[in-house]
């Protein structure tokens, strides 16, 4: 069997369009027909050429600040040109793409600086402190919550970490690996695979995401049921801060005070720049088997997932699509037609390990799913999902081209609150878009489960209006309010950025916010690091 994950190349995304240009997707006739039911009959405005994206003149065209940056990394790794600045403009949320398509480069950094070592990062930070600059770490560029558009009240440096790549240390006995922060996930898996190991972290942004980016956003991969979320994998970090270097993580499960790794995991560059990450790894699986299961409705499928999440034995991958997502076949974006599952909900279950381990867990899990009302569909739906699982985001660009508004959002809550939350968010988004005259399809799936709760991931499609930014902004605001009213968290793995910041501050309350402000003041007293991201 081809090892799909380690054979995929790392991809440098083209600004304004997702992923590898050679892998671009096109809408099938059946999808175009389905868009007609939402009133989508005319294509959207054509995106402007990247060369035509308007950016302001750099505020660092000359002077001592620019000299200091060049001294830190050498002149050839300091870029002021239009194309370099546009390539580091925002991330990949739908609002980000809509602004790019319209030629809006207002958030472009003033300069792009590319260090190769931790010491060079320290030198760049020192230059920023000395000359009153802001600094925004950039690696994969796959942020979807405004995390790459810090406050622009002063000249801003985009710190491109992609020269900081590679396997820095490997401990086969302890099964840990230290990777440079700019290492793309496919490169990390390739390097580890050569040693007979893997990380096993496969988010949908896998082709472009980096080790450091996954750490500072608490990324969740599609194998989280088996391997945990990325922050579960991290055992140590090296962080360059404006006041010095922090080495966090001395030993596993230390009782030496609070676990300060948690200050930097999820910090989104607000406290410093993560330059290397030590993660736990595991031997390469010799067996990967995926299958599909049918459940009559979302509630019965979710109950089956909860039973497994609360059991000792569980699959490596569990994903349940609701009726709408199953019907539109988003579990397999590469398919040309409708889902082979007729009615109800599709669950994908995957196992990775050696033959004895996989066979044991398959038998147990299969019996539990059958007892919960599931019907086994065989390997075809599961393998179709596995092969096409990184293709979903490629659908967004052709949908935008066709005149659709499409975006995703996610949240997490307790099992006892899951149904209430799903209903509330679905209703809020449907009503907010319907009130603007654009009926919507709102789909949902569960793909990250824990003994106490699960994440809900929503995909929304509607007809784009003349001002799609305002159109989606109203829907997103309604969704955020519904999430908070239901007592859930504003994000499970997309992070806070600027898009979720206000709701996040409501969620954590004044006491926790005061603690965050104190940490920010201690580590970054002049507010150099990603100002306005996570913390106002």
Protein backbone atom coordinates (compact mmCIF):
# COMPACT_ATOMS: atom_id res chain seq x y z
CA UNK A 1 0.00 0.00 0.00
CA UNK A 2 1.29 3.48 -0.86
CA UNK A 3 2.07 5.55 2.21
CA UNK A 4 -0.06 8.51 1.09
CA UNK A 5 0.87 10.89 3.87
CA UNK A 6 4.65 10.59 3.54
CA UNK A 7 4.51 10.68 -0.26
CA UNK A 8 2.70 14.04 -0.43
CA UNK A 9 5.06 16.95 -1.06
CA UNK A 10 5.21 20.06 1.07
CA UNK A 11 3.52 22.88 -0.85
CA UNK A 12 4.25 26.60 -0.95
CA UNK A 13 0.78 28.03 -1.41
CA UNK A 14 0.09 30.57 -4.13
CA UNK A 15 -1.26 33.77 -2.54
CA UNK A 16 -5.03 33.88 -2.83
CA UNK A 17 -5.61 30.23 -3.78
CA UNK A 18 -5.29 27.10 -1.67
CA UNK A 19 -2.56 24.54 -2.10
CA UNK A 20 -0.65 23.22 -5.07
CA UNK A 21 -1.73 24.99 -8.29
CA UNK A 22 -1.14 21.74 -10.20
CA UNK A 23 -3.75 20.04 -8.02
CA UNK A 24 -6.50 22.63 -8.52
CA UNK A 25 -10.04 21.21 -8.52
CA UNK A 26 -12.94 21.88 -10.88
CA UNK A 27 -16.62 21.63 -10.06
CA UNK A 28 -18.48 18.67 -11.49
CA UNK A 29 -21.77 19.11 -13.33
CA UNK A 30 -23.61 17.61 -10.37
CA UNK A 31 -22.11 20.17 -7.98
CA UNK A 32 -22.95 23.02 -10.35
CA UNK A 33 -26.49 21.70 -10.54
CA UNK A 34 -26.73 21.61 -6.74
CA UNK A 35 -25.55 25.24 -6.56
CA UNK A 36 -28.54 26.16 -8.69
CA UNK A 37 -30.85 25.19 -5.83
CA UNK A 38 -29.21 27.95 -3.79
CA UNK A 39 -29.79 30.50 -6.57
CA UNK A 40 -26.17 30.40 -7.74
CA UNK A 41 -26.30 30.71 -11.52
CA UNK A 42 -23.68 33.35 -12.36
CA UNK A 43 -19.94 33.27 -11.64
CA UNK A 44 -18.46 35.55 -9.04
CA UNK A 45 -16.14 38.44 -9.84
CA UNK A 46 -12.84 37.29 -11.31
CA UNK A 47 -9.92 37.70 -8.90
CA UNK A 48 -7.42 40.41 -9.72
CA UNK A 49 -3.94 39.36 -10.76
CA UNK A 50 -1.50 39.19 -7.87
CA UNK A 51 0.61 41.87 -9.52
CA UNK A 52 -2.38 44.19 -9.29
CA UNK A 53 -2.92 43.75 -5.53
CA UNK A 54 -2.45 47.22 -4.09
CA UNK A 55 0.01 47.60 -1.23
CA UNK A 56 1.20 50.79 0.41
CA UNK A 57 4.81 51.86 0.17
CA UNK A 58 6.98 50.17 2.74
CA UNK A 59 7.67 52.27 5.80
CA UNK A 60 11.14 50.69 5.92
CA UNK A 61 12.44 51.76 2.52
CA UNK A 62 15.66 53.00 4.12
CA UNK A 63 17.14 53.95 7.46
CA UNK A 64 18.77 52.40 10.49
CA UNK A 65 15.95 49.94 11.21
CA UNK A 66 16.38 48.29 7.82
CA UNK A 67 20.15 48.20 8.33
CA UNK A 68 19.63 46.42 11.65
CA UNK A 69 17.42 43.77 10.06
CA UNK A 70 19.95 43.22 7.28
CA UNK A 71 22.68 42.88 9.85
CA UNK A 72 20.64 40.23 11.66
CA UNK A 73 20.09 37.88 8.69
CA UNK A 74 22.16 39.30 5.78
CA UNK A 75 20.83 41.55 3.06
CA UNK A 76 19.72 38.78 0.68
CA UNK A 77 17.17 37.54 3.23
CA UNK A 78 15.43 40.89 3.67
CA UNK A 79 12.75 41.54 1.03
CA UNK A 80 10.86 44.78 0.37
CA UNK A 81 9.37 43.92 -3.01
CA UNK A 82 5.68 43.85 -3.88
CA UNK A 83 5.50 40.12 -4.56
CA UNK A 84 7.23 39.12 -1.34
CA UNK A 85 4.96 41.33 0.72
CA UNK A 86 1.81 40.04 -1.01
CA UNK A 87 2.97 36.46 -0.43
CA UNK A 88 2.95 37.17 3.31
CA UNK A 89 -0.41 38.94 3.32
CA UNK A 90 -3.00 37.46 5.71
CA UNK A 91 -3.95 33.78 5.66
CA UNK A 92 -6.59 31.53 4.11
CA UNK A 93 -9.94 32.32 5.69
CA UNK A 94 -12.66 33.13 3.18
CA UNK A 95 -12.58 36.84 4.19
CA UNK A 96 -8.80 36.77 3.60
CA UNK A 97 -9.33 35.32 0.13
CA UNK A 98 -12.14 37.71 -0.72
CA UNK A 99 -9.94 40.69 0.11
CA UNK A 100 -7.10 39.26 -1.95
CA UNK A 101 -9.40 38.54 -4.89
CA UNK A 102 -10.54 42.18 -4.75
CA UNK A 103 -6.94 43.43 -4.84
CA UNK A 104 -6.90 44.68 -1.24
CA UNK A 105 -3.33 44.56 0.10
CA UNK A 106 -3.88 46.92 3.00
CA UNK A 107 -2.49 44.50 5.60
CA UNK A 108 0.77 43.76 3.77
CA UNK A 109 3.86 43.74 5.98
CA UNK A 110 6.46 46.40 5.38
CA UNK A 111 9.31 43.91 5.00
CA UNK A 112 9.86 40.14 4.92
CA UNK A 113 12.83 38.79 6.90
CA UNK A 114 13.93 35.15 6.65
CA UNK A 115 16.19 33.89 9.45
CA UNK A 116 17.90 30.49 9.32
CA UNK A 117 18.77 29.98 13.00
CA UNK A 118 17.47 30.63 16.48
CA UNK A 119 20.21 33.20 17.03
CA UNK A 120 19.12 35.11 13.93
CA UNK A 121 15.56 35.19 15.28
CA UNK A 122 16.91 36.61 18.53
CA UNK A 123 18.79 39.26 16.55
CA UNK A 124 15.69 40.20 14.54
CA UNK A 125 13.66 40.54 17.74
CA UNK A 126 16.35 42.78 19.20
CA UNK A 127 16.25 44.98 16.09
CA UNK A 128 12.46 45.23 16.35
CA UNK A 129 12.65 46.25 20.01
CA UNK A 130 15.37 48.80 19.34
CA UNK A 131 13.58 50.43 16.41
CA UNK A 132 9.93 50.20 17.45
CA UNK A 133 8.86 47.58 14.89
CA UNK A 134 6.16 44.94 15.13
CA UNK A 135 6.92 41.33 14.24
CA UNK A 136 4.55 38.69 12.83
CA UNK A 137 5.86 35.09 12.60
CA UNK A 138 4.99 33.42 9.28
CA UNK A 139 5.58 29.83 8.18
CA UNK A 140 2.89 27.87 6.38
CA UNK A 141 0.56 30.86 6.05
CA UNK A 142 -2.53 28.66 6.53
CA UNK A 143 -4.15 30.68 9.33
CA UNK A 144 -7.93 31.02 8.99
CA UNK A 145 -8.68 33.38 11.90
CA UNK A 146 -6.77 36.57 11.11
CA UNK A 147 -3.63 35.45 12.93
CA UNK A 148 -1.30 36.90 10.28
CA UNK A 149 -2.70 40.42 10.27
CA UNK A 150 -1.47 42.12 13.43
CA UNK A 151 -2.20 45.73 14.26
CA UNK A 152 -0.49 47.96 11.68
CA UNK A 153 0.14 51.06 13.79
CA UNK A 154 3.92 50.86 13.09
CA UNK A 155 6.22 49.24 10.57
CA UNK A 156 5.70 45.47 10.56
CA UNK A 157 8.18 42.67 9.91
CA UNK A 158 6.90 39.37 8.54
CA UNK A 159 9.32 36.81 10.00
CA UNK A 160 9.36 33.98 7.48
CA UNK A 161 10.58 30.84 9.29
CA UNK A 162 10.71 28.52 6.30
CA UNK A 163 14.52 28.50 6.16
CA UNK A 164 14.45 27.03 9.68
CA UNK A 165 13.72 23.45 8.72
CA UNK A 166 14.90 19.95 9.47
CA UNK A 167 15.26 17.27 12.11
CA UNK A 168 17.52 18.67 14.84
CA UNK A 169 17.60 15.72 17.25
CA UNK A 170 16.15 12.23 17.55
CA UNK A 171 15.89 10.00 20.62
CA UNK A 172 14.87 6.50 19.52
CA UNK A 173 14.81 5.16 23.06
CA UNK A 174 12.49 7.87 24.40
CA UNK A 175 10.72 8.16 21.02
CA UNK A 176 11.07 11.93 20.74
CA UNK A 177 12.19 14.15 17.88
CA UNK A 178 13.17 17.82 17.81
CA UNK A 179 12.22 19.66 14.64
CA UNK A 180 12.91 23.21 13.50
CA UNK A 181 9.76 25.32 13.65
CA UNK A 182 9.59 26.02 9.91
CA UNK A 183 9.56 22.33 8.94
CA UNK A 184 6.52 21.47 6.82
CA UNK A 185 4.53 18.49 8.05
CA UNK A 186 5.18 16.36 4.92
CA UNK A 187 8.90 17.01 5.32
CA UNK A 188 8.72 16.08 9.00
CA UNK A 189 7.00 12.79 8.16
CA UNK A 190 9.55 12.06 5.43
CA UNK A 191 12.50 12.71 7.74
CA UNK A 192 11.00 10.62 10.52
CA UNK A 193 9.94 7.91 8.08
CA UNK A 194 13.56 7.43 7.04
CA UNK A 195 14.20 6.44 10.66
CA UNK A 196 11.16 4.15 10.84
CA UNK A 197 8.98 6.58 12.81
CA UNK A 198 6.17 9.06 12.24
CA UNK A 199 4.49 11.96 14.00
CA UNK A 200 1.01 11.10 12.74
CA UNK A 201 -0.34 14.65 12.69
CA UNK A 202 -2.53 15.13 9.62
CA UNK A 203 -4.67 18.30 9.64
CA UNK A 204 -6.41 19.30 6.41
CA UNK A 205 -3.73 21.96 6.01
CA UNK A 206 -1.12 19.16 6.07
CA UNK A 207 0.51 20.07 2.73
CA UNK A 208 1.39 23.59 3.89
CA UNK A 209 1.32 23.64 7.69
CA UNK A 210 4.52 23.71 9.77
CA UNK A 211 5.64 22.28 13.08
CA UNK A 212 5.82 25.68 14.78
CA UNK A 213 2.48 26.79 13.42
CA UNK A 214 0.80 23.64 14.72
CA UNK A 215 2.24 24.31 18.18
CA UNK A 216 1.17 27.93 18.51
CA UNK A 217 -2.38 27.24 17.27
CA UNK A 218 -3.02 23.94 19.11
CA UNK A 219 -3.65 22.21 15.79
CA UNK A 220 -5.73 19.02 15.62
CA UNK A 221 -4.99 16.31 13.07
CA UNK A 222 -7.44 13.83 11.61
CA UNK A 223 -5.83 10.99 13.59
CA UNK A 224 -6.47 12.74 16.91
CA UNK A 225 -8.53 9.82 18.28
CA UNK A 226 -5.40 7.70 18.20
CA UNK A 227 -2.51 10.15 18.60
CA UNK A 228 -4.06 13.17 20.30
CA UNK A 229 -4.05 16.81 19.31
CA UNK A 230 -0.71 18.46 18.46
CA UNK A 231 -0.35 19.99 21.90
CA UNK A 232 -0.62 16.46 23.33
CA UNK A 233 2.43 15.52 21.25
CA UNK A 234 4.66 18.42 22.34
CA UNK A 235 7.14 17.64 25.12
CA UNK A 236 9.48 20.66 24.82
CA UNK A 237 9.86 24.01 23.06
CA UNK A 238 12.53 26.58 22.36
CA UNK A 239 11.12 30.11 22.22
CA UNK A 240 12.85 33.39 21.38
CA UNK A 241 11.20 36.22 23.31
CA UNK A 242 12.05 39.93 23.39
CA UNK A 243 13.62 39.45 26.84
CA UNK A 244 15.58 36.27 26.07
CA UNK A 245 15.32 32.59 25.17
CA UNK A 246 12.95 30.22 26.97
CA UNK A 247 13.67 26.49 27.02
CA UNK A 248 10.50 24.81 28.29
CA UNK A 249 10.00 21.12 28.93
CA UNK A 250 12.72 19.38 30.95
CA UNK A 251 11.12 15.97 31.43
CA UNK A 252 7.77 14.26 30.89
CA UNK A 253 5.07 15.06 33.45
CA UNK A 254 7.23 17.17 35.74
CA UNK A 255 5.71 18.51 38.95
CA UNK A 256 8.15 21.44 39.04
CA UNK A 257 5.57 24.20 39.14
CA UNK A 258 3.02 25.08 36.43
CA UNK A 259 3.69 23.59 33.01
CA UNK A 260 5.02 26.64 31.19
CA UNK A 261 4.73 24.89 27.83
CA UNK A 262 1.08 25.86 28.06
CA UNK A 263 2.01 29.55 27.90
CA UNK A 264 3.40 29.09 24.41
CA UNK A 265 1.15 26.34 23.03
CA UNK A 266 -1.74 28.28 21.53
CA UNK A 267 -0.02 31.64 22.04
CA UNK A 268 -0.10 32.48 18.29
CA UNK A 269 3.20 34.37 18.38
CA UNK A 270 1.98 36.87 20.96
CA UNK A 271 4.68 36.01 23.54
CA UNK A 272 7.62 35.17 21.30
CA UNK A 273 8.75 33.05 18.36
CA UNK A 274 8.84 29.26 18.69
CA UNK A 275 12.03 28.15 16.92
CA UNK A 276 12.06 24.40 17.63
CA UNK A 277 9.61 21.83 18.95
CA UNK A 278 10.28 18.46 20.54
CA UNK A 279 7.46 16.00 19.94
CA UNK A 280 6.73 12.41 20.83
CA UNK A 281 6.77 10.08 17.83
CA UNK A 282 5.86 6.45 17.25
CA UNK A 283 7.01 3.63 14.95
CA UNK A 284 5.64 3.76 11.43
CA UNK A 285 2.43 1.73 11.16
CA UNK A 286 2.79 -1.40 9.06
CA UNK A 287 -0.99 -1.53 8.57
CA UNK A 288 -3.49 1.23 7.75
CA UNK A 289 -7.10 0.11 7.27
CA UNK A 290 -10.07 2.41 6.85
CA UNK A 291 -13.74 1.52 6.47
CA UNK A 292 -17.14 3.16 6.29
CA UNK A 293 -20.15 2.71 8.57
CA UNK A 294 -23.72 3.87 8.07
CA UNK A 295 -25.88 5.25 10.87
CA UNK A 296 -29.54 6.15 10.47
CA UNK A 297 -29.05 9.64 11.92
CA UNK A 298 -26.48 11.97 13.43
CA UNK A 299 -27.62 11.37 17.01
CA UNK A 300 -27.08 7.61 16.87
CA UNK A 301 -23.71 8.04 15.18
CA UNK A 302 -22.58 10.58 17.79
CA UNK A 303 -23.70 8.26 20.59
CA UNK A 304 -21.59 5.47 19.06
CA UNK A 305 -18.58 7.80 18.88
CA UNK A 306 -19.05 8.79 22.52
CA UNK A 307 -19.13 5.14 23.58
CA UNK A 308 -15.83 4.52 21.82
CA UNK A 309 -14.24 7.75 23.09
CA UNK A 310 -15.09 6.69 26.63
CA UNK A 311 -13.80 3.13 26.10
CA UNK A 312 -10.24 1.89 26.51
CA UNK A 313 -9.97 0.63 22.94
CA UNK A 314 -10.65 3.04 20.09
CA UNK A 315 -9.76 3.61 16.42
CA UNK A 316 -6.98 5.89 15.24
CA UNK A 317 -9.45 7.92 13.16
CA UNK A 318 -13.15 8.58 13.75
CA UNK A 319 -15.21 10.95 11.64
CA UNK A 320 -18.99 11.29 11.45
CA UNK A 321 -20.66 13.40 8.74
CA UNK A 322 -24.20 14.61 9.33
CA UNK A 323 -26.99 13.97 6.85
CA UNK A 324 -26.28 17.08 4.77
CA UNK A 325 -22.53 16.48 4.51
CA UNK A 326 -23.09 12.80 3.76
CA UNK A 327 -25.56 13.64 1.01
CA UNK A 328 -23.19 16.11 -0.63
CA UNK A 329 -20.31 13.67 -0.26
CA UNK A 330 -17.90 16.05 1.42
CA UNK A 331 -16.36 13.01 3.07
CA UNK A 332 -14.84 12.37 -0.37
CA UNK A 333 -14.32 15.70 -2.16
CA UNK A 334 -12.57 14.00 -5.09
CA UNK A 335 -15.70 12.07 -6.07
CA UNK A 336 -17.54 13.33 -9.12
CA UNK A 337 -21.06 12.48 -8.03
CA UNK A 338 -23.24 12.04 -4.99
CA UNK A 339 -22.38 9.91 -2.00
CA UNK A 340 -22.87 6.16 -2.30
CA UNK A 341 -24.54 6.30 1.11
CA UNK A 342 -28.29 6.68 0.67
CA UNK A 343 -29.74 8.67 3.57
CA UNK A 344 -28.47 8.75 7.11
CA UNK A 345 -24.88 9.51 8.07
CA UNK A 346 -21.48 8.21 7.05
CA UNK A 347 -18.87 7.40 9.67
CA UNK A 348 -15.26 6.79 8.65
CA UNK A 349 -13.22 4.61 10.98
CA UNK A 350 -9.48 4.09 10.56
CA UNK A 351 -6.88 1.92 12.26
CA UNK A 352 -3.10 2.22 12.15
CA UNK A 353 -0.54 -0.04 13.78
CA UNK A 354 0.78 -3.55 13.30
CA UNK A 355 -1.44 -6.39 12.13
CA UNK A 356 -2.13 -7.83 15.57
CA UNK A 357 -2.99 -4.44 17.06
CA UNK A 358 -5.23 -3.40 14.17
CA UNK A 359 -7.04 -6.76 14.05
CA UNK A 360 -7.73 -6.64 17.78
CA UNK A 361 -9.10 -3.11 17.72
CA UNK A 362 -11.10 -3.66 14.52
CA UNK A 363 -12.93 -6.55 16.11
CA UNK A 364 -13.75 -4.68 19.29
CA UNK A 365 -14.74 -1.44 17.57
CA UNK A 366 -16.79 -3.21 14.91
CA UNK A 367 -18.80 -5.04 17.56
CA UNK A 368 -19.43 -1.79 19.47
CA UNK A 369 -20.50 0.10 16.33
CA UNK A 370 -22.83 -2.69 15.25
CA UNK A 371 -24.36 -2.83 18.73
CA UNK A 372 -24.92 0.94 18.50
CA UNK A 373 -26.96 0.62 15.30
CA UNK A 374 -24.21 0.98 12.71
CA UNK A 375 -24.02 -0.96 9.44
CA UNK A 376 -20.60 -1.73 8.03
CA UNK A 377 -20.10 -0.54 4.44
CA UNK A 378 -16.71 -2.09 3.79
CA UNK A 379 -13.37 -0.47 2.99
CA UNK A 380 -14.38 1.60 -0.06
CA UNK A 381 -15.87 4.66 1.73
CA UNK A 382 -13.06 4.72 4.26
CA UNK A 383 -10.29 4.40 1.70
CA UNK A 384 -11.96 7.01 -0.53
CA UNK A 385 -11.91 9.42 2.39
CA UNK A 386 -8.29 8.60 3.26
CA UNK A 387 -7.08 9.16 -0.29
CA UNK A 388 -9.08 12.39 -0.73
CA UNK A 389 -8.88 13.79 2.78
CA UNK A 390 -6.57 16.71 1.98
CA UNK A 391 -8.62 17.72 -1.07
CA UNK A 392 -11.54 19.38 0.73
CA UNK A 393 -10.00 22.88 0.97
CA UNK A 394 -9.27 22.82 -2.78
CA UNK A 395 -13.03 23.02 -3.43
CA UNK A 396 -13.34 26.51 -1.99
CA UNK A 397 -11.60 28.40 -4.81
CA UNK A 398 -13.77 27.00 -7.63
CA UNK A 399 -16.86 27.55 -5.48
CA UNK A 400 -15.90 31.20 -4.99
CA UNK A 401 -15.25 31.43 -8.73
CA UNK A 402 -18.75 30.05 -9.36
CA UNK A 403 -20.42 32.76 -7.24
CA UNK A 404 -20.80 30.84 -3.97
CA UNK A 405 -19.92 32.01 -0.48
CA UNK A 406 -18.30 29.11 1.36
CA UNK A 407 -16.63 29.07 4.74
CA UNK A 408 -16.02 26.84 7.75
CA UNK A 409 -16.13 27.28 11.51
CA UNK A 410 -15.60 24.96 14.45
CA UNK A 411 -16.17 24.68 18.18
CA UNK A 412 -15.96 22.15 21.01
CA UNK A 413 -18.15 21.23 23.97
CA UNK A 414 -19.16 18.48 26.38
CA UNK A 415 -21.01 15.42 25.08
CA UNK A 416 -24.09 16.39 27.08
CA UNK A 417 -24.21 19.74 25.26
CA UNK A 418 -23.42 18.52 21.73
CA UNK A 419 -26.95 18.34 20.28
CA UNK A 420 -27.90 21.73 21.71
CA UNK A 421 -24.76 23.32 20.28
CA UNK A 422 -25.19 21.82 16.81
CA UNK A 423 -28.81 22.97 16.61
CA UNK A 424 -27.97 26.46 17.88
CA UNK A 425 -25.11 27.13 15.47
CA UNK A 426 -26.98 25.67 12.50
CA UNK A 427 -30.01 27.84 13.26
CA UNK A 428 -27.95 30.99 13.85
CA UNK A 429 -26.04 30.73 10.56
CA UNK A 430 -29.11 29.69 8.55
CA UNK A 431 -31.17 32.58 9.91
CA UNK A 432 -28.40 35.17 9.49
CA UNK A 433 -27.87 34.27 5.84
CA UNK A 434 -31.56 33.72 5.13
CA UNK A 435 -32.37 37.18 6.46
CA UNK A 436 -30.08 38.56 3.74
CA UNK A 437 -31.99 36.68 1.05
CA UNK A 438 -29.45 33.89 0.64
CA UNK A 439 -30.64 30.48 1.83
CA UNK A 440 -27.74 28.32 2.97
CA UNK A 441 -26.67 24.74 3.33
CA UNK A 442 -25.05 24.17 6.72
CA UNK A 443 -23.18 20.89 7.09
CA UNK A 444 -21.45 19.45 10.13
CA UNK A 445 -19.09 16.67 11.13
CA UNK A 446 -17.37 15.32 14.23
CA UNK A 447 -13.73 14.36 13.79
CA UNK A 448 -12.09 15.02 17.16
CA UNK A 449 -13.43 13.16 20.19
CA UNK A 450 -12.48 12.86 23.85
CA UNK A 451 -13.95 10.98 26.81
CA UNK A 452 -15.73 14.15 27.95
CA UNK A 453 -16.67 15.87 24.68
CA UNK A 454 -16.15 16.47 20.98
CA UNK A 455 -15.54 19.14 18.35
CA UNK A 456 -18.17 20.18 15.81
CA UNK A 457 -16.94 21.40 12.42
CA UNK A 458 -19.37 23.29 10.18
CA UNK A 459 -19.19 24.00 6.45
CA UNK A 460 -21.51 26.70 5.06
CA UNK A 461 -22.44 27.34 1.43
CA UNK A 462 -24.73 30.13 0.16
CA UNK A 463 -25.01 32.48 -2.79
CA UNK A 464 -22.48 35.31 -2.53
CA UNK A 465 -23.94 38.83 -2.46
CA UNK A 466 -22.26 41.92 -3.88
CA UNK A 467 -20.61 42.49 -0.48
CA UNK A 468 -19.73 38.96 0.67
CA UNK A 469 -17.48 40.22 3.46
CA UNK A 470 -20.41 41.90 5.21
CA UNK A 471 -22.66 38.97 4.34
CA UNK A 472 -20.37 36.42 6.00
CA UNK A 473 -19.51 38.80 8.84
CA UNK A 474 -23.15 38.81 9.96
CA UNK A 475 -23.33 35.02 9.80
CA UNK A 476 -20.06 34.61 11.69
CA UNK A 477 -21.14 37.05 14.37
CA UNK A 478 -24.37 35.10 14.82
CA UNK A 479 -22.45 31.82 15.03
CA UNK A 480 -20.06 33.24 17.64
CA UNK A 481 -22.96 34.46 19.74
CA UNK A 482 -24.69 31.09 19.50
CA UNK A 483 -21.52 29.27 20.56
CA UNK A 484 -21.10 31.44 23.64
CA UNK A 485 -24.81 31.25 24.52
CA UNK A 486 -24.54 27.47 24.39
CA UNK A 487 -21.56 27.51 26.75
CA UNK A 488 -19.09 26.10 24.23
CA UNK A 489 -15.57 27.23 23.31
CA UNK A 490 -15.08 29.62 20.41
CA UNK A 491 -12.43 27.39 18.85
CA UNK A 492 -11.11 23.85 19.06
CA UNK A 493 -8.18 24.04 16.61
CA UNK A 494 -8.51 27.06 14.29
CA UNK A 495 -7.13 29.34 17.05
CA UNK A 496 -8.17 32.85 18.11
CA UNK A 497 -6.35 35.36 15.89
CA UNK A 498 -8.37 38.53 15.53
CA UNK A 499 -11.58 36.94 14.24
CA UNK A 500 -12.35 35.19 17.54
CA UNK A 501 -10.65 37.58 19.92
CA UNK A 502 -13.71 39.40 21.29
CA UNK A 503 -15.62 36.18 21.91
CA UNK A 504 -12.52 34.53 23.36
CA UNK A 505 -12.17 37.33 25.91
CA UNK A 506 -15.82 36.82 26.91
CA UNK A 507 -15.12 33.11 27.27
CA UNK A 508 -12.09 33.39 29.57
CA UNK A 509 -13.31 36.28 31.74
CA UNK A 510 -11.49 39.10 33.49
CA UNK A 511 -9.30 37.06 35.84
CA UNK A 512 -7.77 34.90 33.10
CA UNK A 513 -7.43 37.92 30.82
CA UNK A 514 -5.50 39.77 33.55
CA UNK A 515 -3.11 36.80 33.76
CA UNK A 516 -2.55 36.84 29.99
CA UNK A 517 -1.88 40.57 30.02
CA UNK A 518 0.66 40.08 32.78
CA UNK A 519 2.46 37.37 30.80
CA UNK A 520 2.48 39.59 27.72
CA UNK A 521 3.89 42.50 29.70
CA UNK A 522 6.60 40.31 31.23
CA UNK A 523 7.78 38.59 28.04
CA UNK A 524 7.09 41.33 25.49
CA UNK A 525 7.04 44.66 27.34
CA UNK A 526 7.11 46.80 24.17
CA UNK A 527 4.40 44.76 22.40
CA UNK A 528 6.64 43.69 19.52
CA UNK A 529 5.22 40.20 19.02
CA UNK A 530 2.08 39.96 16.84
CA UNK A 531 0.36 42.99 18.42
CA UNK A 532 -3.40 42.66 18.55
CA UNK A 533 -3.37 38.91 17.90
CA UNK A 534 -4.99 36.92 20.72
CA UNK A 535 -4.65 39.86 23.13
CA UNK A 536 -5.86 43.42 22.33
